[in-house]
């Protein structure tokens, strides 16, 4: 498996054997290598989640804590951690494949995701006013990073249009009323597992970026999911405008990640994505 984040598999395998010697001799298959975690399938029954840094260990602890609190109340297939050893986590393997990108969502899958998000976004939240202010500050800081790093890659015209749309989005977060909720935080196609010809929902994974924030973010990460917005959200123009803001911001975040890792071609692809959005 090739990845810009690739690590030494022999070292990782030794780490797994040291933590779970009872699985020594079982098959080990590398499932995914991402920016924050490496995933391996152990004995075709368990997934081992390996953080890449101390910050990622902290993300894993938060994920394990949240999913532990939700167990017993959730009707959807989520990771159920049964062991954490020396900062690495293990949960039962969810059999499925990541949702293909840029594909039309089948009605059944869209309705399942609608029901899941409706349940998740109605979990109790403490201190909503503080959470709203923190969320707005987070996005103000993110947009401020775009000015020196990303805007010089755009034409003058595209830069002005982008700045206008980004400022409009920040205004929605800072000056319009909205209710913070518990959110997945990174609900993308790769974190939705499907099975069978009809793409039955087989799992929702990677809660490492969960937080208290804007529910519109969770609705923005999968193309076509907004078609399944429930009536009260579909009729809420402020909600839909925030959803469009997060969709517009996505390629800018991709440019930042690509520049961080020196991936010039990936940065250019995301610049083209920005230009396509501006032309629509």
Protein backbone atom coordinates (compact mmCIF):
# COMPACT_ATOMS: atom_id res chain seq x y z
CA UNK A 1 0.00 0.00 0.00
CA UNK A 2 1.48 3.36 -1.02
CA UNK A 3 0.78 6.45 1.00
CA UNK A 4 2.35 9.84 1.51
CA UNK A 5 2.13 9.02 5.24
CA UNK A 6 3.55 5.49 4.97
CA UNK A 7 5.35 4.05 7.99
CA UNK A 8 7.46 0.93 8.49
CA UNK A 9 5.02 -1.98 8.55
CA UNK A 10 7.52 -4.23 10.29
CA UNK A 11 7.79 -1.79 13.18
CA UNK A 12 4.01 -1.48 13.41
CA UNK A 13 3.54 -5.25 13.28
CA UNK A 14 6.03 -5.65 16.12
CA UNK A 15 4.07 -3.09 18.11
CA UNK A 16 0.84 -5.02 17.56
CA UNK A 17 2.46 -8.31 18.60
CA UNK A 18 3.87 -6.68 21.73
CA UNK A 19 0.49 -5.31 22.73
CA UNK A 20 -1.62 -8.33 21.79
CA UNK A 21 0.63 -11.39 21.96
CA UNK A 22 -2.45 -13.63 22.03
CA UNK A 23 -2.93 -12.76 18.34
CA UNK A 24 0.64 -13.64 17.38
CA UNK A 25 0.53 -15.78 14.24
CA UNK A 26 -2.84 -14.42 13.10
CA UNK A 27 -3.08 -12.80 9.68
CA UNK A 28 -2.34 -9.07 9.58
CA UNK A 29 -3.68 -6.94 6.76
CA UNK A 30 -3.03 -3.20 6.36
CA UNK A 31 -6.39 -1.50 5.84
CA UNK A 32 -5.68 2.23 5.60
CA UNK A 33 -2.92 4.77 6.12
CA UNK A 34 -4.12 8.28 6.84
CA UNK A 35 -2.75 11.53 8.13
CA UNK A 36 -3.52 10.71 11.77
CA UNK A 37 -3.98 6.92 12.00
CA UNK A 38 -2.88 3.63 10.49
CA UNK A 39 -5.48 0.83 10.49
CA UNK A 40 -4.73 -2.87 10.36
CA UNK A 41 -7.07 -5.87 10.33
CA UNK A 42 -5.97 -8.50 12.83
CA UNK A 43 -7.10 -12.07 12.28
CA UNK A 44 -9.96 -10.80 10.09
CA UNK A 45 -11.92 -10.11 13.29
CA UNK A 46 -10.41 -6.97 14.83
CA UNK A 47 -9.23 -3.57 13.61
CA UNK A 48 -6.19 -2.06 15.30
CA UNK A 49 -6.09 1.73 15.23
CA UNK A 50 -2.58 3.13 15.51
CA UNK A 51 -2.08 6.85 16.22
CA UNK A 52 0.77 8.61 14.48
CA UNK A 53 1.55 11.20 17.17
CA UNK A 54 0.84 12.15 20.77
CA UNK A 55 -1.93 14.44 19.52
CA UNK A 56 -3.46 11.49 17.68
CA UNK A 57 -3.30 9.39 20.85
CA UNK A 58 -5.35 12.12 22.49
CA UNK A 59 -7.83 11.95 19.59
CA UNK A 60 -8.09 8.20 20.05
CA UNK A 61 -8.76 8.54 23.79
CA UNK A 62 -11.56 11.01 23.05
CA UNK A 63 -13.02 8.69 20.43
CA UNK A 64 -12.97 5.67 22.74
CA UNK A 65 -14.57 7.71 25.53
CA UNK A 66 -17.37 9.02 23.31
CA UNK A 67 -18.21 5.67 21.73
CA UNK A 68 -18.23 4.07 25.16
CA UNK A 69 -20.80 6.61 26.33
CA UNK A 70 -22.95 6.03 23.25
CA UNK A 71 -22.94 2.23 23.51
CA UNK A 72 -26.33 0.83 24.37
CA UNK A 73 -28.15 3.82 22.88
CA UNK A 74 -27.09 3.55 19.24
CA UNK A 75 -28.81 1.46 16.59
CA UNK A 76 -26.15 1.91 13.90
CA UNK A 77 -22.93 -0.06 13.33
CA UNK A 78 -20.19 1.97 15.01
CA UNK A 79 -16.76 0.88 16.24
CA UNK A 80 -16.97 -0.83 19.62
CA UNK A 81 -13.56 -0.69 21.24
CA UNK A 82 -12.87 -3.74 23.38
CA UNK A 83 -9.25 -2.99 24.27
CA UNK A 84 -6.77 -0.11 24.36
CA UNK A 85 -3.14 -0.92 25.11
CA UNK A 86 -0.29 1.58 25.30
CA UNK A 87 -2.19 4.14 23.26
CA UNK A 88 -3.36 1.82 20.44
CA UNK A 89 -7.01 0.81 20.15
CA UNK A 90 -8.77 -2.35 18.99
CA UNK A 91 -12.38 -2.87 17.90
CA UNK A 92 -14.41 -5.54 16.13
CA UNK A 93 -13.99 -5.44 12.36
CA UNK A 94 -16.94 -3.88 10.51
CA UNK A 95 -17.25 -5.68 7.18
CA UNK A 96 -17.82 -3.19 4.38
CA UNK A 97 -16.13 -0.92 1.86
CA UNK A 98 -15.87 2.88 1.92
CA UNK A 99 -18.63 4.72 0.10
CA UNK A 100 -17.40 5.60 -3.42
CA UNK A 101 -16.88 9.31 -4.00
CA UNK A 102 -19.06 11.30 -6.39
CA UNK A 103 -21.73 8.62 -6.51
CA UNK A 104 -25.48 9.08 -6.30
CA UNK A 105 -26.69 8.07 -2.86
CA UNK A 106 -29.30 5.30 -2.92
CA UNK A 107 -32.47 6.34 -1.13
CA UNK A 108 -32.07 3.68 1.54
CA UNK A 109 -28.54 4.76 2.44
CA UNK A 110 -29.48 8.43 2.42
CA UNK A 111 -32.36 7.75 4.78
CA UNK A 112 -30.12 5.71 7.09
CA UNK A 113 -27.60 8.55 7.27
CA UNK A 114 -30.42 11.03 7.83
CA UNK A 115 -31.67 8.97 10.77
CA UNK A 116 -28.16 8.57 12.20
CA UNK A 117 -27.42 12.30 12.03
CA UNK A 118 -30.82 13.12 13.51
CA UNK A 119 -30.00 10.88 16.47
CA UNK A 120 -26.42 12.10 16.88
CA UNK A 121 -27.31 15.77 16.67
CA UNK A 122 -29.92 15.44 19.40
CA UNK A 123 -27.52 14.24 22.10
CA UNK A 124 -27.41 16.59 25.14
CA UNK A 125 -24.96 19.49 24.88
CA UNK A 126 -23.56 21.56 27.75
CA UNK A 127 -22.74 25.28 27.49
CA UNK A 128 -24.04 25.86 23.94
CA UNK A 129 -23.23 29.58 23.93
CA UNK A 130 -19.59 28.93 24.76
CA UNK A 131 -19.43 26.19 22.12
CA UNK A 132 -20.86 28.55 19.50
CA UNK A 133 -18.23 31.21 20.20
CA UNK A 134 -15.40 28.68 20.16
CA UNK A 135 -16.62 27.23 16.87
CA UNK A 136 -16.77 30.66 15.22
CA UNK A 137 -13.26 31.50 16.47
CA UNK A 138 -11.95 28.21 15.09
CA UNK A 139 -13.21 29.03 11.60
CA UNK A 140 -12.07 32.64 11.81
CA UNK A 141 -8.56 31.31 12.52
CA UNK A 142 -8.80 28.80 9.66
CA UNK A 143 -9.83 31.46 7.16
CA UNK A 144 -7.02 33.74 8.34
CA UNK A 145 -4.52 30.99 7.40
CA UNK A 146 -5.80 31.01 3.84
CA UNK A 147 -4.74 34.58 3.14
CA UNK A 148 -0.95 34.06 3.12
CA UNK A 149 -0.90 30.40 2.09
CA UNK A 150 -3.71 29.85 -0.40
CA UNK A 151 -4.93 33.15 -1.83
CA UNK A 152 -1.67 33.81 -3.76
CA UNK A 153 -2.42 30.65 -5.76
CA UNK A 154 -5.63 32.18 -7.14
CA UNK A 155 -6.19 34.85 -9.76
CA UNK A 156 -7.09 38.32 -8.50
CA UNK A 157 -10.71 37.79 -9.56
CA UNK A 158 -10.98 34.37 -7.92
CA UNK A 159 -9.30 35.68 -4.81
CA UNK A 160 -11.83 38.49 -4.40
CA UNK A 161 -14.78 36.17 -4.96
CA UNK A 162 -13.38 33.65 -2.49
CA UNK A 163 -12.73 36.28 0.17
CA UNK A 164 -16.29 37.58 -0.19
CA UNK A 165 -17.85 34.14 0.16
CA UNK A 166 -15.63 33.21 3.09
CA UNK A 167 -16.49 36.43 4.93
CA UNK A 168 -20.19 35.78 4.34
CA UNK A 169 -19.78 32.34 5.85
CA UNK A 170 -17.99 33.67 8.91
CA UNK A 171 -20.76 36.23 9.37
CA UNK A 172 -23.28 33.38 9.51
CA UNK A 173 -21.30 31.63 12.26
CA UNK A 174 -20.62 34.77 14.29
CA UNK A 175 -23.84 36.77 13.98
CA UNK A 176 -26.70 34.39 13.17
CA UNK A 177 -28.40 32.14 15.70
CA UNK A 178 -27.71 28.40 15.46
CA UNK A 179 -27.66 25.56 17.98
CA UNK A 180 -24.39 23.67 18.64
CA UNK A 181 -24.74 19.88 18.69
CA UNK A 182 -22.61 16.78 19.05
CA UNK A 183 -21.17 16.12 15.58
CA UNK A 184 -19.05 13.43 13.95
CA UNK A 185 -16.74 16.16 12.66
CA UNK A 186 -15.35 14.32 9.64
CA UNK A 187 -18.26 12.53 7.96
CA UNK A 188 -16.73 11.84 4.55
CA UNK A 189 -17.30 8.95 2.10
CA UNK A 190 -14.25 7.08 3.40
CA UNK A 191 -15.82 6.96 6.87
CA UNK A 192 -19.12 5.46 5.70
CA UNK A 193 -18.91 1.71 5.05
CA UNK A 194 -21.40 0.04 2.72
CA UNK A 195 -22.09 -3.55 1.74
CA UNK A 196 -23.96 -5.31 -1.06
CA UNK A 197 -25.27 -4.09 -4.39
CA UNK A 198 -27.74 -1.74 -2.69
CA UNK A 199 -25.03 -0.16 -0.51
CA UNK A 200 -26.56 -1.09 2.80
CA UNK A 201 -25.01 0.85 5.67
CA UNK A 202 -22.32 -1.39 7.19
CA UNK A 203 -20.55 1.08 9.46
CA UNK A 204 -19.76 4.67 10.38
CA UNK A 205 -16.16 4.98 11.54
CA UNK A 206 -13.47 7.44 12.68
CA UNK A 207 -15.01 9.59 15.39
CA UNK A 208 -11.59 11.01 16.27
CA UNK A 209 -12.67 14.54 15.28
CA UNK A 210 -15.99 14.59 17.13
CA UNK A 211 -16.76 17.85 18.84
CA UNK A 212 -19.56 20.17 19.84
CA UNK A 213 -20.22 22.30 16.79
CA UNK A 214 -22.42 23.00 13.80
CA UNK A 215 -24.58 20.11 12.55
CA UNK A 216 -24.38 21.58 9.04
CA UNK A 217 -20.75 20.43 8.84
CA UNK A 218 -21.78 16.76 9.06
CA UNK A 219 -24.28 17.27 6.23
CA UNK A 220 -21.66 18.90 3.98
CA UNK A 221 -19.08 16.12 3.60
CA UNK A 222 -20.91 13.61 1.37
CA UNK A 223 -22.05 14.67 -2.07
CA UNK A 224 -25.83 14.46 -2.43
CA UNK A 225 -26.55 13.97 1.27
CA UNK A 226 -28.23 17.36 1.52
CA UNK A 227 -31.07 15.95 -0.62
CA UNK A 228 -32.05 13.96 2.48
CA UNK A 229 -32.25 16.92 4.84
CA UNK A 230 -35.34 16.59 7.05
CA UNK A 231 -38.03 19.18 6.50
CA UNK A 232 -37.13 21.52 9.35
CA UNK A 233 -33.52 21.77 8.13
CA UNK A 234 -34.41 21.86 4.44
CA UNK A 235 -36.61 24.89 5.20
CA UNK A 236 -33.93 26.62 7.29
CA UNK A 237 -32.11 28.91 4.86
CA UNK A 238 -29.46 29.83 7.45
CA UNK A 239 -28.66 26.14 7.94
CA UNK A 240 -28.41 25.55 4.20
CA UNK A 241 -26.19 28.63 3.80
CA UNK A 242 -23.81 27.34 6.48
CA UNK A 243 -23.79 23.94 4.76
CA UNK A 244 -22.77 25.63 1.50
CA UNK A 245 -20.05 27.54 3.37
CA UNK A 246 -18.49 24.30 4.63
CA UNK A 247 -18.73 22.78 1.15
CA UNK A 248 -17.04 25.83 -0.35
CA UNK A 249 -14.31 25.71 2.29
CA UNK A 250 -13.46 22.04 1.73
CA UNK A 251 -10.99 22.46 -1.20
CA UNK A 252 -9.25 25.29 0.66
CA UNK A 253 -8.63 22.90 3.54
CA UNK A 254 -7.35 20.38 1.01
CA UNK A 255 -4.86 22.93 -0.31
CA UNK A 256 -3.55 23.56 3.21
CA UNK A 257 -3.06 19.84 3.82
CA UNK A 258 -1.36 19.33 0.47
CA UNK A 259 1.03 22.24 1.04
CA UNK A 260 1.83 20.93 4.52
CA UNK A 261 3.01 17.64 3.04
CA UNK A 262 4.66 19.12 -0.06
CA UNK A 263 2.14 17.60 -2.48
CA UNK A 264 2.16 20.18 -5.26
CA UNK A 265 -0.05 18.21 -7.67
CA UNK A 266 -2.69 17.65 -5.00
CA UNK A 267 -2.65 21.36 -4.16
CA UNK A 268 -3.21 22.22 -7.83
CA UNK A 269 -6.14 19.80 -8.05
CA UNK A 270 -7.77 21.53 -5.11
CA UNK A 271 -7.11 24.94 -6.68
CA UNK A 272 -9.00 23.71 -9.76
CA UNK A 273 -11.80 22.57 -7.43
CA UNK A 274 -12.01 26.12 -6.01
CA UNK A 275 -12.23 27.53 -9.53
CA UNK A 276 -15.04 25.12 -10.44
CA UNK A 277 -16.99 26.18 -7.38
CA UNK A 278 -16.58 29.85 -8.24
CA UNK A 279 -17.81 29.25 -11.78
CA UNK A 280 -21.05 27.61 -10.66
